[in-house]
Amino acid sequence: MGAADEVWSIGELAERAGVSVKTVRYYSERGLLPEAGRTGGGHRRYGPGALERLRSIRALRALELPVTDVGRVLDQGSAWEDVVTGRLREVERRMTALRWHEASLRLLRDAPAAERAERLRLLGGLAAPPDTTVLARFWRRTLPVRFPARLAAAVVDAAVPRPPADPTPAQVLAYARLHALVAAAPAPPVHLAGVPHRAEALYEGLAEAYDLAATGPGDRGEALERFVGAYADALATRDTPAFRRRLARLLVAGADPVIGSYWQLAGALRDPGDGPTAGALHGRLCLALKRALTDGTAPGPEPGAGPAWGE
């Protein structure tokens, strides 16, 4: 009998593979390990190919693939990438959770005695890694009713920080404080609340202004022009010195300490290469408008311009 025709008992296969008979029987009964046949007494027999397959099963199980996925990987070549990629994502999620646990423990270990109770309270309301649902809900409440879904998604994406995959203790604390801040906050203020305006034009214009400000100083030029223009377009008026003065007062009056705290905490979660948050860019442009009004660089009135909003 040639090697290709050789058959082994369940005990022989288990010995060659370095596993128990119980293990071989389990995989056989789950359909993962085909039998070459049975003896007259009903004892299983396995061909040489069973050894390599058993080794493959053990390797995949060592990577914690479920038995059902092991069968798919071995029997369906097309399932290989999907199963392995899915398992990799699961491991990455678990590793991220462990990193958050580690950073949280370091945060507690290094906490001054007077801050331990507060940090415990903050961490008690935070999953590891954090769920961004509460933060997204907070920003959706700032948007007007019947706001375009496309713009709403863009606003939430820009405003809600992604939890770092490998956070520092300081970032864990910042995220915990951010989560607690929005969970307890009342309904946040809406841009131009109570004033008739075109919300879509405002948010689209502000997004363009922030993009321009992110690539330059933001205190002169296109970024400021687009920033003011966004409000002028939304209010269907012209950009005049009178409008800019009214807008500056409006922005000061509409400033909210909760939003300010939010953006400060969100900034602490960003990597240095990520650039400023949308909130930091908004603040930069507000200051640029104030400087322009102070040093007299605001544009003069246009001939034939009607009264600015609020006149």
Protein backbone atom coordinates (compact mmCIF):
# COMPACT_ATOMS: atom_id res chain seq x y z
CA MET A 1 0.00 0.00 0.00
CA GLY A 2 1.46 3.39 -1.01
CA ALA A 3 1.61 6.43 1.24
CA ALA A 4 -1.30 7.97 -0.64
CA ASP A 5 -3.40 4.92 0.12
CA GLU A 6 -2.41 4.69 3.78
CA VAL A 7 -5.19 5.03 6.32
CA TRP A 8 -4.93 5.71 10.03
CA SER A 9 -7.06 5.02 13.02
CA ILE A 10 -8.29 7.93 15.08
CA GLY A 11 -5.57 7.21 17.63
CA GLU A 12 -2.83 7.17 15.00
CA LEU A 13 -3.99 10.46 13.51
CA ALA A 14 -4.17 12.04 16.97
CA GLU A 15 -0.64 10.88 17.76
CA ARG A 16 0.79 12.18 14.47
CA ALA A 17 -0.92 15.56 14.98
CA GLY A 18 -0.01 15.81 18.66
CA VAL A 19 -3.61 16.17 19.84
CA SER A 20 -6.00 14.06 21.86
CA VAL A 21 -8.35 11.48 20.41
CA LYS A 22 -11.18 13.56 21.86
CA THR A 23 -10.08 16.53 19.73
CA VAL A 24 -10.03 14.49 16.53
CA ARG A 25 -13.45 13.03 17.32
CA TYR A 26 -14.88 16.51 18.01
CA TYR A 27 -13.73 17.93 14.68
CA SER A 28 -14.95 14.84 12.88
CA GLU A 29 -18.40 15.09 14.42
CA ARG A 30 -18.54 18.80 13.47
CA GLY A 31 -17.87 17.87 9.84
CA LEU A 32 -14.47 19.57 9.69
CA LEU A 33 -12.42 16.40 9.34
CA PRO A 34 -13.68 14.03 6.63
CA GLU A 35 -13.15 10.33 7.14
CA ALA A 36 -11.64 8.03 4.57
CA GLY A 37 -14.02 5.30 5.70
CA ARG A 38 -14.81 3.00 8.60
CA THR A 39 -13.88 -0.50 9.59
CA GLY A 40 -16.40 -3.31 9.78
CA GLY A 41 -16.67 -2.53 13.48
CA GLY A 42 -17.52 1.12 12.77
CA HIS A 43 -14.12 2.60 13.72
CA ARG A 44 -13.09 5.77 11.88
CA ARG A 45 -10.24 5.70 9.40
CA TYR A 46 -8.44 8.77 8.02
CA GLY A 47 -6.27 9.30 4.96
CA PRO A 48 -2.95 11.22 4.93
CA GLY A 49 -4.74 14.43 3.85
CA ALA A 50 -6.50 14.48 7.21
CA LEU A 51 -3.23 15.28 8.99
CA GLU A 52 -2.61 18.50 7.06
CA ARG A 53 -6.26 19.49 7.40
CA LEU A 54 -6.16 18.86 11.14
CA ARG A 55 -3.07 21.04 11.44
CA SER A 56 -4.87 23.80 9.53
CA ILE A 57 -7.89 23.47 11.80
CA ARG A 58 -5.70 23.78 14.89
CA ALA A 59 -3.93 26.87 13.49
CA LEU A 60 -7.22 28.61 12.72
CA ARG A 61 -8.70 27.66 16.08
CA ALA A 62 -5.57 29.00 17.81
CA LEU A 63 -6.47 32.33 16.18
CA GLU A 64 -9.88 31.96 17.85
CA LEU A 65 -11.90 31.56 14.67
CA PRO A 66 -15.29 29.98 15.43
CA VAL A 67 -15.70 26.40 14.27
CA THR A 68 -18.26 27.43 11.64
CA ASP A 69 -15.82 29.97 10.16
CA VAL A 70 -13.02 27.38 10.15
CA GLY A 71 -15.15 25.18 7.92
CA ARG A 72 -15.89 28.07 5.57
CA VAL A 73 -12.22 29.00 5.27
CA LEU A 74 -11.15 25.42 4.51
CA ASP A 75 -13.98 24.54 2.16
CA GLN A 76 -14.76 27.85 0.46
CA GLY A 77 -11.74 29.61 -0.96
CA SER A 78 -13.77 32.77 -1.50
CA ALA A 79 -14.53 33.01 2.24
CA TRP A 80 -10.87 33.18 3.28
CA GLU A 81 -10.43 36.96 3.01
CA ASP A 82 -13.81 37.83 4.53
CA VAL A 83 -13.38 35.52 7.53
CA VAL A 84 -9.78 36.47 8.28
CA THR A 85 -10.45 40.19 7.77
CA GLY A 86 -13.50 40.02 10.04
CA ARG A 87 -11.46 38.25 12.72
CA LEU A 88 -8.72 40.87 12.40
CA ARG A 89 -11.23 43.68 12.94
CA GLU A 90 -12.55 41.93 16.04
CA VAL A 91 -9.02 41.58 17.45
CA GLU A 92 -8.33 45.25 16.71
CA ARG A 93 -11.51 46.24 18.58
CA ARG A 94 -10.48 44.13 21.55
CA MET A 95 -6.98 45.60 21.55
CA THR A 96 -8.40 49.12 21.43
CA ALA A 97 -10.64 48.30 24.38
CA LEU A 98 -7.63 46.95 26.29
CA ARG A 99 -5.65 50.10 25.54
CA TRP A 100 -8.52 52.20 26.89
CA HIS A 101 -8.64 50.02 30.00
CA GLU A 102 -4.90 50.39 30.45
CA ALA A 103 -4.96 54.18 30.05
CA SER A 104 -7.94 54.40 32.42
CA LEU A 105 -6.08 52.41 35.07
CA ARG A 106 -3.04 54.64 34.68
CA LEU A 107 -5.30 57.65 35.04
CA LEU A 108 -6.60 56.30 38.32
CA ARG A 109 -3.21 55.17 39.56
CA ASP A 110 -1.69 58.61 39.02
CA ALA A 111 -4.68 60.60 40.29
CA PRO A 112 -4.14 62.84 43.31
CA ALA A 113 -6.22 61.61 46.23
CA ALA A 114 -8.54 64.61 45.94
CA GLU A 115 -9.38 63.75 42.31
CA ARG A 116 -9.93 60.00 42.57
CA ALA A 117 -13.66 60.17 43.26
CA GLU A 118 -14.27 62.52 40.33
CA ARG A 119 -12.24 60.40 37.94
CA LEU A 120 -14.04 57.26 39.03
CA ARG A 121 -17.37 58.96 38.43
CA LEU A 122 -16.33 60.13 34.97
CA LEU A 123 -14.95 56.74 33.96
CA GLY A 124 -18.08 55.04 35.25
CA GLY A 125 -20.12 56.72 32.52
CA LEU A 126 -17.72 55.84 29.72
CA ALA A 127 -17.48 52.63 27.72
CA ALA A 128 -14.11 51.34 26.56
CA PRO A 129 -13.66 52.33 23.82
CA PRO A 130 -16.24 55.12 24.07
CA ASP A 131 -19.52 55.19 22.20
CA THR A 132 -19.97 58.44 20.27
CA THR A 133 -23.79 58.24 20.18
CA VAL A 134 -24.30 60.82 22.94
CA LEU A 135 -21.93 63.29 21.28
CA ALA A 136 -23.56 62.86 17.87
CA ARG A 137 -27.01 63.34 19.40
CA PHE A 138 -25.84 66.55 21.07
CA TRP A 139 -24.78 68.08 17.74
CA ARG A 140 -27.85 66.90 15.88
CA ARG A 141 -29.90 68.87 18.40
CA THR A 142 -28.10 72.05 17.27
CA LEU A 143 -29.32 71.65 13.71
CA PRO A 144 -32.52 73.12 12.34
CA VAL A 145 -35.57 71.00 11.74
CA ARG A 146 -35.71 69.47 8.23
CA PHE A 147 -32.00 70.05 7.76
CA PRO A 148 -30.52 68.15 4.76
CA ALA A 149 -29.24 64.73 5.84
CA ARG A 150 -26.05 65.20 3.81
CA LEU A 151 -25.12 68.38 5.67
CA ALA A 152 -26.19 66.98 9.03
CA ALA A 153 -23.82 64.03 8.57
CA ALA A 154 -20.99 66.40 7.62
CA VAL A 155 -21.57 68.58 10.70
CA VAL A 156 -21.63 65.60 13.05
CA ASP A 157 -18.55 64.08 11.43
CA ALA A 158 -16.61 67.34 11.87
CA ALA A 159 -17.80 67.93 15.43
CA VAL A 160 -17.59 64.48 17.02
CA PRO A 161 -14.01 63.41 17.76
CA ARG A 162 -13.08 59.82 17.07
CA PRO A 163 -11.84 57.99 20.15
CA PRO A 164 -8.07 57.48 19.83
CA ALA A 165 -7.12 53.85 19.24
CA ASP A 166 -4.21 54.15 21.67
CA PRO A 167 -5.21 56.89 24.13
CA THR A 168 -3.06 58.54 26.75
CA PRO A 169 -4.49 58.87 30.28
CA ALA A 170 -5.00 62.58 29.57
CA GLN A 171 -7.07 61.75 26.47
CA VAL A 172 -9.19 59.29 28.42
CA LEU A 173 -9.90 62.02 30.97
CA ALA A 174 -10.70 64.54 28.23
CA TYR A 175 -13.11 62.14 26.52
CA ALA A 176 -14.77 61.24 29.82
CA ARG A 177 -15.25 64.93 30.62
CA LEU A 178 -16.56 65.57 27.12
CA HIS A 179 -19.07 62.75 27.44
CA ALA A 180 -20.22 63.98 30.85
CA LEU A 181 -20.49 67.56 29.55
CA VAL A 182 -22.89 66.79 26.71
CA ALA A 183 -24.86 64.22 28.71
CA ALA A 184 -25.76 66.86 31.28
CA ALA A 185 -26.03 69.86 28.93
CA PRO A 186 -29.37 71.46 28.02
CA ALA A 187 -30.36 71.84 24.41
CA PRO A 188 -27.41 73.63 22.76
CA PRO A 189 -27.89 76.96 20.95
CA VAL A 190 -28.68 76.94 17.27
CA HIS A 191 -26.94 79.25 14.80
CA LEU A 192 -29.05 82.38 14.30
CA ALA A 193 -31.79 81.01 16.54
CA GLY A 194 -35.01 82.97 16.16
CA VAL A 195 -33.79 84.81 13.05
CA PRO A 196 -35.18 83.82 9.64
CA HIS A 197 -32.30 82.55 7.53
CA ARG A 198 -31.27 79.89 5.04
CA ALA A 199 -29.56 77.31 7.23
CA GLU A 200 -28.20 75.28 4.33
CA ALA A 201 -26.39 78.29 2.88
CA LEU A 202 -24.95 79.15 6.29
CA TYR A 203 -23.50 75.73 7.05
CA GLU A 204 -22.14 75.20 3.56
CA GLY A 205 -20.47 78.61 3.66
CA LEU A 206 -19.02 78.04 7.12
CA ALA A 207 -17.55 74.70 6.05
CA GLU A 208 -15.79 76.45 3.15
CA ALA A 209 -14.51 79.18 5.47
CA TYR A 210 -13.14 76.63 7.92
CA ASP A 211 -11.33 74.81 5.12
CA LEU A 212 -9.71 78.06 4.02
CA ALA A 213 -8.79 79.02 7.59
CA ALA A 214 -7.22 75.61 8.19
CA THR A 215 -4.66 76.21 5.43
CA GLY A 216 -3.75 79.81 6.32
CA PRO A 217 -3.68 82.35 9.14
CA GLY A 218 -7.40 82.97 8.80
CA ASP A 219 -7.22 86.60 9.94
CA ARG A 220 -7.14 88.09 6.45
CA GLY A 221 -8.15 87.14 2.95
CA GLU A 222 -10.48 84.52 1.65
CA ALA A 223 -11.24 82.72 4.92
CA LEU A 224 -12.68 85.80 6.62
CA GLU A 225 -14.49 86.91 3.47
CA ARG A 226 -16.14 83.51 3.13
CA PHE A 227 -16.96 83.41 6.85
CA VAL A 228 -18.80 86.73 6.76
CA GLY A 229 -20.25 85.87 3.37
CA ALA A 230 -21.79 82.69 4.78
CA TYR A 231 -23.83 84.71 7.26
CA ALA A 232 -24.67 87.37 4.68
CA ASP A 233 -25.87 84.73 2.21
CA ALA A 234 -27.93 82.99 4.87
CA LEU A 235 -29.59 86.27 5.83
CA ALA A 236 -30.01 87.42 2.21
CA THR A 237 -28.13 90.66 2.78
CA ARG A 238 -24.90 92.35 1.72
CA ASP A 239 -21.51 92.30 3.37
CA THR A 240 -21.12 95.89 4.58
CA PRO A 241 -19.32 97.48 7.56
CA ALA A 242 -22.67 97.86 9.30
CA PHE A 243 -23.46 94.18 8.74
CA ARG A 244 -20.04 93.15 10.07
CA ARG A 245 -20.55 95.17 13.24
CA ARG A 246 -23.95 93.58 13.76
CA LEU A 247 -22.54 90.15 13.01
CA ALA A 248 -19.70 90.59 15.50
CA ARG A 249 -22.18 91.49 18.23
CA LEU A 250 -24.40 88.59 17.23
CA LEU A 251 -21.49 86.13 17.47
CA VAL A 252 -20.52 87.40 20.91
CA ALA A 253 -24.11 87.22 22.14
CA GLY A 254 -24.51 83.72 20.72
CA ALA A 255 -21.34 82.33 22.31
CA ASP A 256 -22.12 79.47 24.67
CA PRO A 257 -19.76 78.31 27.45
CA VAL A 258 -20.76 74.67 26.97
CA ILE A 259 -19.78 74.80 23.30
CA GLY A 260 -16.52 76.50 24.25
CA SER A 261 -15.72 73.78 26.76
CA TYR A 262 -16.69 71.13 24.23
CA TRP A 263 -14.22 72.36 21.63
CA GLN A 264 -11.45 72.73 24.19
CA LEU A 265 -11.85 69.11 25.27
CA ALA A 266 -12.23 67.92 21.68
CA GLY A 267 -8.97 69.67 20.81
CA ALA A 268 -7.15 67.67 23.50
CA LEU A 269 -8.15 64.46 21.70
CA ARG A 270 -6.60 65.35 18.37
CA ASP A 271 -3.17 64.31 17.19
CA PRO A 272 -0.80 67.20 16.38
CA GLY A 273 -1.03 66.45 12.67
CA ASP A 274 -4.84 66.65 12.64
CA GLY A 275 -4.93 70.44 12.68
CA PRO A 276 -7.40 72.61 14.61
CA THR A 277 -10.99 71.64 15.34
CA ALA A 278 -13.91 73.30 13.58
CA GLY A 279 -14.59 75.12 16.85
CA ALA A 280 -11.04 76.48 16.99
CA LEU A 281 -11.34 77.66 13.39
CA HIS A 282 -14.66 79.33 14.16
CA GLY A 283 -13.09 81.13 17.10
CA ARG A 284 -10.13 82.17 14.97
CA LEU A 285 -12.44 83.69 12.37
CA CYS A 286 -14.51 85.48 15.03
CA LEU A 287 -11.31 87.09 16.32
CA ALA A 288 -10.28 87.93 12.76
CA LEU A 289 -13.59 89.74 12.26
CA LYS A 290 -13.08 91.66 15.50
CA ARG A 291 -9.55 92.68 14.44
CA ALA A 292 -10.77 93.76 11.02
CA LEU A 293 -13.38 95.99 12.63
CA THR A 294 -10.87 97.38 15.12
CA ASP A 295 -8.16 98.25 12.61
CA GLY A 296 -10.60 99.49 10.00
CA THR A 297 -9.97 96.86 7.34
CA ALA A 298 -13.64 95.97 6.95
CA PRO A 299 -14.86 96.75 3.42
CA GLY A 300 -16.68 99.98 2.75
CA PRO A 301 -20.35 100.08 1.79
CA GLU A 302 -21.21 99.12 -1.71
CA PRO A 303 -22.96 101.72 -3.86
CA GLY A 304 -26.67 101.20 -3.72
CA ALA A 305 -26.47 98.62 -0.92
CA GLY A 306 -29.58 98.21 1.16
CA PRO A 307 -29.54 98.18 4.97
CA ALA A 308 -27.59 95.37 6.61
CA TRP A 309 -29.41 92.73 8.58
CA GLY A 310 -30.49 94.14 11.93
CA GLU A 311 -30.32 97.81 10.86
